[in-house]
Amino acid sequence: MAQESRPGDDFVSLQEVPEGTKVKLADGVIAEVTANPRDGGWLFIKFVEYPDDPSRVGEDDMVFCTDVLGVV
C-alpha cells in the first residue's frame, strides 16, 4: 500500500495502491483510484473533491506519481 510522503520524498509509491483508495493530489484535489496499471508511475482516478473547479467532480483522469501526495 502507498505510504504518506515524508519530508524529502519526491513521490508516493503507487504500485500496490488498490482501486477504491482515495488519494490527495498536489493541487489539493481528492481523487478515488479507479484503476492501477501497477507500473508505479500512473493511476487512473475519478475526482471526488476539486476545490478550484467543483464541476470536475465525478470526472475521470490519470495522474502521475509526482502529483500524488499521499493516501487519504
PDB file of N, CA and C in Angstrom:
ATOM      1  N   MET A   1       0.852  -1.183   0.000  1.00  0.00           N
ATOM      2  CA  MET A   1       0.000   0.000   0.000  1.00  0.00           C
ATOM      3  C   MET A   1       0.893   1.241   0.000  1.00  0.00           C
ATOM      4  N   ALA A   2       0.402   2.304  -0.532  1.00  0.00           N
ATOM      5  CA  ALA A   2       1.164   3.558  -0.581  1.00  0.00           C
ATOM      6  C   ALA A   2       1.368   4.098   0.818  1.00  0.00           C
ATOM      7  N   GLN A   3       2.434   4.830   0.978  1.00  0.00           N
ATOM      8  CA  GLN A   3       2.735   5.448   2.254  1.00  0.00           C
ATOM      9  C   GLN A   3       2.649   6.946   2.110  1.00  0.00           C
ATOM     10  N   GLU A   4       2.330   7.601   3.230  1.00  0.00           N
ATOM     11  CA  GLU A   4       2.340   9.061   3.231  1.00  0.00           C
ATOM     12  C   GLU A   4       3.747   9.530   2.882  1.00  0.00           C
ATOM     13  N   SER A   5       3.830  10.623   2.161  1.00  0.00           N
ATOM     14  CA  SER A   5       5.140  11.167   1.844  1.00  0.00           C
ATOM     15  C   SER A   5       5.742  11.807   3.084  1.00  0.00           C
ATOM     16  N   ARG A   6       7.052  11.759   3.160  1.00  0.00           N
ATOM     17  CA  ARG A   6       7.787  12.353   4.270  1.00  0.00           C
ATOM     18  C   ARG A   6       8.640  13.484   3.720  1.00  0.00           C
ATOM     19  N   PRO A   7       9.100  14.384   4.579  1.00  0.00           N
ATOM     20  CA  PRO A   7       9.979  15.443   4.086  1.00  0.00           C
ATOM     21  C   PRO A   7      11.152  14.842   3.313  1.00  0.00           C
ATOM     22  N   GLY A   8      11.389  15.366   2.136  1.00  0.00           N
ATOM     23  CA  GLY A   8      12.465  14.866   1.298  1.00  0.00           C
ATOM     24  C   GLY A   8      12.008  13.842   0.277  1.00  0.00           C
ATOM     25  N   ASP A   9      10.814  13.254   0.480  1.00  0.00           N
ATOM     26  CA  ASP A   9      10.285  12.311  -0.504  1.00  0.00           C
ATOM     27  C   ASP A   9       9.806  13.090  -1.719  1.00  0.00           C
ATOM     28  N   ASP A  10      10.012  12.520  -2.890  1.00  0.00           N
ATOM     29  CA  ASP A  10       9.549  13.163  -4.111  1.00  0.00           C
ATOM     30  C   ASP A  10       8.171  12.672  -4.536  1.00  0.00           C
ATOM     31  N   PHE A  11       7.802  11.448  -4.133  1.00  0.00           N
ATOM     32  CA  PHE A  11       6.518  10.897  -4.546  1.00  0.00           C
ATOM     33  C   PHE A  11       6.137   9.733  -3.649  1.00  0.00           C
ATOM     34  N   VAL A  12       4.911   9.271  -3.811  1.00  0.00           N
ATOM     35  CA  VAL A  12       4.384   8.127  -3.084  1.00  0.00           C
ATOM     36  C   VAL A  12       4.497   6.902  -3.986  1.00  0.00           C
ATOM     37  N   SER A  13       4.905   5.756  -3.430  1.00  0.00           N
ATOM     38  CA  SER A  13       4.956   4.515  -4.198  1.00  0.00           C
ATOM     39  C   SER A  13       3.534   4.067  -4.527  1.00  0.00           C
ATOM     40  N   LEU A  14       3.233   3.907  -5.801  1.00  0.00           N
ATOM     41  CA  LEU A  14       1.861   3.646  -6.232  1.00  0.00           C
ATOM     42  C   LEU A  14       1.585   2.217  -6.670  1.00  0.00           C
ATOM     43  N   GLN A  15       2.596   1.370  -6.746  1.00  0.00           N
ATOM     44  CA  GLN A  15       2.408   0.046  -7.327  1.00  0.00           C
ATOM     45  C   GLN A  15       1.333  -0.788  -6.648  1.00  0.00           C
ATOM     46  N   GLU A  16       1.174  -0.665  -5.338  1.00  0.00           N
ATOM     47  CA  GLU A  16       0.227  -1.514  -4.622  1.00  0.00           C
ATOM     48  C   GLU A  16      -1.034  -0.788  -4.169  1.00  0.00           C
ATOM     49  N   VAL A  17      -1.292   0.413  -4.651  1.00  0.00           N
ATOM     50  CA  VAL A  17      -2.494   1.152  -4.249  1.00  0.00           C
ATOM     51  C   VAL A  17      -3.709   0.488  -4.904  1.00  0.00           C
ATOM     52  N   PRO A  18      -4.648  -0.038  -4.096  1.00  0.00           N
ATOM     53  CA  PRO A  18      -5.808  -0.721  -4.680  1.00  0.00           C
ATOM     54  C   PRO A  18      -6.869   0.244  -5.204  1.00  0.00           C
ATOM     55  N   GLU A  19      -7.681  -0.256  -6.120  1.00  0.00           N
ATOM     56  CA  GLU A  19      -8.815   0.508  -6.617  1.00  0.00           C
ATOM     57  C   GLU A  19      -9.731   0.834  -5.443  1.00  0.00           C
ATOM     58  N   GLY A  20     -10.323   2.012  -5.470  1.00  0.00           N
ATOM     59  CA  GLY A  20     -11.197   2.454  -4.390  1.00  0.00           C
ATOM     60  C   GLY A  20     -10.499   3.308  -3.351  1.00  0.00           C
ATOM     61  N   THR A  21      -9.160   3.316  -3.348  1.00  0.00           N
ATOM     62  CA  THR A  21      -8.387   4.132  -2.413  1.00  0.00           C
ATOM     63  C   THR A  21      -8.512   5.600  -2.793  1.00  0.00           C
ATOM     64  N   LYS A  22      -8.634   6.459  -1.794  1.00  0.00           N
ATOM     65  CA  LYS A  22      -8.664   7.904  -2.051  1.00  0.00           C
ATOM     66  C   LYS A  22      -7.266   8.462  -1.837  1.00  0.00           C
ATOM     67  N   VAL A  23      -6.854   9.333  -2.751  1.00  0.00           N
ATOM     68  CA  VAL A  23      -5.536   9.956  -2.688  1.00  0.00           C
ATOM     69  C   VAL A  23      -5.677  11.469  -2.757  1.00  0.00           C
ATOM     70  N   LYS A  24      -4.711  12.154  -2.136  1.00  0.00           N
ATOM     71  CA  LYS A  24      -4.661  13.618  -2.207  1.00  0.00           C
ATOM     72  C   LYS A  24      -3.601  14.006  -3.223  1.00  0.00           C
ATOM     73  N   LEU A  25      -3.964  14.922  -4.110  1.00  0.00           N
ATOM     74  CA  LEU A  25      -3.054  15.378  -5.153  1.00  0.00           C
ATOM     75  C   LEU A  25      -2.404  16.698  -4.760  1.00  0.00           C
ATOM     76  N   ALA A  26      -1.327  17.037  -5.426  1.00  0.00           N
ATOM     77  CA  ALA A  26      -0.541  18.225  -5.093  1.00  0.00           C
ATOM     78  C   ALA A  26      -1.344  19.515  -5.156  1.00  0.00           C
ATOM     79  N   ASP A  27      -2.381  19.558  -5.986  1.00  0.00           N
ATOM     80  CA  ASP A  27      -3.181  20.779  -6.118  1.00  0.00           C
ATOM     81  C   ASP A  27      -4.366  20.820  -5.155  1.00  0.00           C
ATOM     82  N   GLY A  28      -4.385  19.910  -4.162  1.00  0.00           N
ATOM     83  CA  GLY A  28      -5.438  19.906  -3.157  1.00  0.00           C
ATOM     84  C   GLY A  28      -6.651  19.080  -3.521  1.00  0.00           C
ATOM     85  N   VAL A  29      -6.637  18.471  -4.685  1.00  0.00           N
ATOM     86  CA  VAL A  29      -7.750  17.643  -5.150  1.00  0.00           C
ATOM     87  C   VAL A  29      -7.713  16.289  -4.437  1.00  0.00           C
ATOM     88  N   ILE A  30      -8.905  15.764  -4.119  1.00  0.00           N
ATOM     89  CA  ILE A  30      -9.039  14.409  -3.597  1.00  0.00           C
ATOM     90  C   ILE A  30      -9.634  13.569  -4.721  1.00  0.00           C
ATOM     91  N   ALA A  31      -9.026  12.403  -4.965  1.00  0.00           N
ATOM     92  CA  ALA A  31      -9.478  11.542  -6.052  1.00  0.00           C
ATOM     93  C   ALA A  31      -9.548  10.098  -5.578  1.00  0.00           C
ATOM     94  N   GLU A  32     -10.413   9.328  -6.223  1.00  0.00           N
ATOM     95  CA  GLU A  32     -10.529   7.895  -5.949  1.00  0.00           C
ATOM     96  C   GLU A  32      -9.849   7.133  -7.076  1.00  0.00           C
ATOM     97  N   VAL A  33      -9.031   6.146  -6.715  1.00  0.00           N
ATOM     98  CA  VAL A  33      -8.348   5.323  -7.709  1.00  0.00           C
ATOM     99  C   VAL A  33      -9.373   4.392  -8.358  1.00  0.00           C
ATOM    100  N   THR A  34      -9.487   4.463  -9.683  1.00  0.00           N
ATOM    101  CA  THR A  34     -10.420   3.600 -10.410  1.00  0.00           C
ATOM    102  C   THR A  34      -9.705   2.436 -11.087  1.00  0.00           C
ATOM    103  N   ALA A  35      -8.410   2.586 -11.342  1.00  0.00           N
ATOM    104  CA  ALA A  35      -7.600   1.510 -11.913  1.00  0.00           C
ATOM    105  C   ALA A  35      -6.135   1.812 -11.625  1.00  0.00           C
ATOM    106  N   ASN A  36      -5.359   0.742 -11.484  1.00  0.00           N
ATOM    107  CA  ASN A  36      -3.933   0.893 -11.232  1.00  0.00           C
ATOM    108  C   ASN A  36      -3.187  -0.086 -12.134  1.00  0.00           C
ATOM    109  N   PRO A  37      -2.457   0.421 -13.133  1.00  0.00           N
ATOM    110  CA  PRO A  37      -1.699  -0.465 -14.011  1.00  0.00           C
ATOM    111  C   PRO A  37      -0.489  -1.096 -13.312  1.00  0.00           C
ATOM    112  N   ARG A  38      -0.230  -0.695 -12.066  1.00  0.00           N
ATOM    113  CA  ARG A  38       0.852  -1.232 -11.230  1.00  0.00           C
ATOM    114  C   ARG A  38       2.231  -1.051 -11.862  1.00  0.00           C
ATOM    115  N   ASP A  39       2.373   0.032 -12.622  1.00  0.00           N
ATOM    116  CA  ASP A  39       3.671   0.367 -13.211  1.00  0.00           C
ATOM    117  C   ASP A  39       4.465   1.308 -12.315  1.00  0.00           C
ATOM    118  N   GLY A  40       3.827   1.758 -11.216  1.00  0.00           N
ATOM    119  CA  GLY A  40       4.497   2.653 -10.281  1.00  0.00           C
ATOM    120  C   GLY A  40       4.493   4.105 -10.700  1.00  0.00           C
ATOM    121  N   GLY A  41       3.991   4.391 -11.875  1.00  0.00           N
ATOM    122  CA  GLY A  41       4.020   5.758 -12.371  1.00  0.00           C
ATOM    123  C   GLY A  41       2.664   6.422 -12.482  1.00  0.00           C
ATOM    124  N   TRP A  42       1.653   5.656 -12.880  1.00  0.00           N
ATOM    125  CA  TRP A  42       0.350   6.239 -13.193  1.00  0.00           C
ATOM    126  C   TRP A  42      -0.768   5.600 -12.395  1.00  0.00           C
ATOM    127  N   LEU A  43      -1.811   6.402 -12.137  1.00  0.00           N
ATOM    128  CA  LEU A  43      -3.074   5.918 -11.588  1.00  0.00           C
ATOM    129  C   LEU A  43      -4.201   6.488 -12.430  1.00  0.00           C
ATOM    130  N   PHE A  44      -5.231   5.708 -12.630  1.00  0.00           N
ATOM    131  CA  PHE A  44      -6.472   6.207 -13.213  1.00  0.00           C
ATOM    132  C   PHE A  44      -7.354   6.609 -12.042  1.00  0.00           C
ATOM    133  N   ILE A  45      -7.929   7.798 -12.111  1.00  0.00           N
ATOM    134  CA  ILE A  45      -8.665   8.336 -10.968  1.00  0.00           C
ATOM    135  C   ILE A  45      -9.987   8.968 -11.390  1.00  0.00           C
ATOM    136  N   LYS A  46     -10.836   9.172 -10.376  1.00  0.00           N
ATOM    137  CA  LYS A  46     -12.076   9.938 -10.534  1.00  0.00           C
ATOM    138  C   LYS A  46     -12.035  11.012  -9.461  1.00  0.00           C
ATOM    139  N   PHE A  47     -12.271  12.263  -9.851  1.00  0.00           N
ATOM    140  CA  PHE A  47     -12.237  13.365  -8.896  1.00  0.00           C
ATOM    141  C   PHE A  47     -13.403  13.263  -7.912  1.00  0.00           C
ATOM    142  N   VAL A  48     -13.086  13.344  -6.614  1.00  0.00           N
ATOM    143  CA  VAL A  48     -14.086  13.300  -5.546  1.00  0.00           C
ATOM    144  C   VAL A  48     -14.305  14.698  -4.974  1.00  0.00           C
ATOM    145  N   GLU A  49     -13.208  15.435  -4.781  1.00  0.00           N
ATOM    146  CA  GLU A  49     -13.253  16.835  -4.329  1.00  0.00           C
ATOM    147  C   GLU A  49     -12.310  17.627  -5.219  1.00  0.00           C
ATOM    148  N   TYR A  50     -12.804  18.725  -5.767  1.00  0.00           N
ATOM    149  CA  TYR A  50     -11.986  19.567  -6.646  1.00  0.00           C
ATOM    150  C   TYR A  50     -12.272  21.018  -6.288  1.00  0.00           C
ATOM    151  N   PRO A  51     -11.579  21.538  -5.244  1.00  0.00           N
ATOM    152  CA  PRO A  51     -11.892  22.867  -4.708  1.00  0.00           C
ATOM    153  C   PRO A  51     -11.884  24.002  -5.733  1.00  0.00           C
ATOM    154  N   ASP A  52     -10.968  23.981  -6.687  1.00  0.00           N
ATOM    155  CA  ASP A  52     -10.863  25.081  -7.653  1.00  0.00           C
ATOM    156  C   ASP A  52     -11.897  25.018  -8.776  1.00  0.00           C
ATOM    157  N   ASP A  53     -12.503  23.837  -8.991  1.00  0.00           N
ATOM    158  CA  ASP A  53     -13.481  23.684 -10.078  1.00  0.00           C
ATOM    159  C   ASP A  53     -14.431  22.530  -9.758  1.00  0.00           C
ATOM    160  N   PRO A  54     -15.431  22.778  -8.901  1.00  0.00           N
ATOM    161  CA  PRO A  54     -16.360  21.720  -8.493  1.00  0.00           C
ATOM    162  C   PRO A  54     -17.059  21.010  -9.654  1.00  0.00           C
ATOM    163  N   SER A  55     -17.113  21.623 -10.822  1.00  0.00           N
ATOM    164  CA  SER A  55     -17.753  20.969 -11.966  1.00  0.00           C
ATOM    165  C   SER A  55     -16.974  19.730 -12.423  1.00  0.00           C
ATOM    166  N   ARG A  56     -15.726  19.578 -11.981  1.00  0.00           N
ATOM    167  CA  ARG A  56     -14.901  18.428 -12.378  1.00  0.00           C
ATOM    168  C   ARG A  56     -15.114  17.201 -11.497  1.00  0.00           C
ATOM    169  N   VAL A  57     -15.859  17.356 -10.386  1.00  0.00           N
ATOM    170  CA  VAL A  57     -16.149  16.216  -9.517  1.00  0.00           C
ATOM    171  C   VAL A  57     -16.891  15.159 -10.332  1.00  0.00           C
ATOM    172  N   GLY A  58     -16.422  13.910 -10.233  1.00  0.00           N
ATOM    173  CA  GLY A  58     -17.005  12.807 -10.992  1.00  0.00           C
ATOM    174  C   GLY A  58     -16.301  12.534 -12.310  1.00  0.00           C
ATOM    175  N   GLU A  59     -15.441  13.452 -12.731  1.00  0.00           N
ATOM    176  CA  GLU A  59     -14.701  13.317 -13.987  1.00  0.00           C
ATOM    177  C   GLU A  59     -13.545  12.333 -13.808  1.00  0.00           C
ATOM    178  N   ASP A  60     -13.257  11.536 -14.844  1.00  0.00           N
ATOM    179  CA  ASP A  60     -12.134  10.598 -14.839  1.00  0.00           C
ATOM    180  C   ASP A  60     -10.892  11.258 -15.418  1.00  0.00           C
ATOM    181  N   ASP A  61      -9.721  10.807 -14.930  1.00  0.00           N
ATOM    182  CA  ASP A  61      -8.451  11.346 -15.418  1.00  0.00           C
ATOM    183  C   ASP A  61      -7.347  10.369 -15.049  1.00  0.00           C
ATOM    184  N   MET A  62      -6.116  10.723 -15.398  1.00  0.00           N
ATOM    185  CA  MET A  62      -4.922   9.976 -14.994  1.00  0.00           C
ATOM    186  C   MET A  62      -4.010  10.929 -14.242  1.00  0.00           C
ATOM    187  N   VAL A  63      -3.253  10.392 -13.269  1.00  0.00           N
ATOM    188  CA  VAL A  63      -2.266  11.210 -12.565  1.00  0.00           C
ATOM    189  C   VAL A  63      -0.935  10.468 -12.519  1.00  0.00           C
ATOM    190  N   PHE A  64       0.139  11.239 -12.508  1.00  0.00           N
ATOM    191  CA  PHE A  64       1.486  10.694 -12.411  1.00  0.00           C
ATOM    192  C   PHE A  64       1.914  10.684 -10.949  1.00  0.00           C
ATOM    193  N   CYS A  65       2.837   9.812 -10.604  1.00  0.00           N
ATOM    194  CA  CYS A  65       3.241   9.606  -9.208  1.00  0.00           C
ATOM    195  C   CYS A  65       3.690  10.886  -8.506  1.00  0.00           C
ATOM    196  N   THR A  66       4.323  11.789  -9.205  1.00  0.00           N
ATOM    197  CA  THR A  66       4.811  13.011  -8.556  1.00  0.00           C
ATOM    198  C   THR A  66       3.690  13.971  -8.187  1.00  0.00           C
ATOM    199  N   ASP A  67       2.472  13.729  -8.708  1.00  0.00           N
ATOM    200  CA  ASP A  67       1.316  14.564  -8.372  1.00  0.00           C
ATOM    201  C   ASP A  67       0.562  14.058  -7.146  1.00  0.00           C
ATOM    202  N   VAL A  68       0.892  12.844  -6.680  1.00  0.00           N
ATOM    203  CA  VAL A  68       0.188  12.229  -5.560  1.00  0.00           C
ATOM    204  C   VAL A  68       0.956  12.495  -4.266  1.00  0.00           C
ATOM    205  N   LEU A  69       0.292  13.180  -3.313  1.00  0.00           N
ATOM    206  CA  LEU A  69       0.929  13.485  -2.028  1.00  0.00           C
ATOM    207  C   LEU A  69       0.801  12.343  -1.039  1.00  0.00           C
ATOM    208  N   GLY A  70      -0.300  11.618  -1.086  1.00  0.00           N
ATOM    209  CA  GLY A  70      -0.488  10.525  -0.147  1.00  0.00           C
ATOM    210  C   GLY A  70      -1.881   9.950  -0.215  1.00  0.00           C
ATOM    211  N   VAL A  71      -2.075   8.911   0.592  1.00  0.00           N
ATOM    212  CA  VAL A  71      -3.371   8.254   0.705  1.00  0.00           C
ATOM    213  C   VAL A  71      -4.181   8.980   1.758  1.00  0.00           C
ATOM    214  N   VAL A  72      -5.466   9.202   1.483  1.00  0.00           N
ATOM    215  CA  VAL A  72      -6.352   9.898   2.421  1.00  0.00           C
ATOM    216  C   VAL A  72      -7.018   8.871   3.315  1.00  0.00           C
TER     217      VAL A  72
END
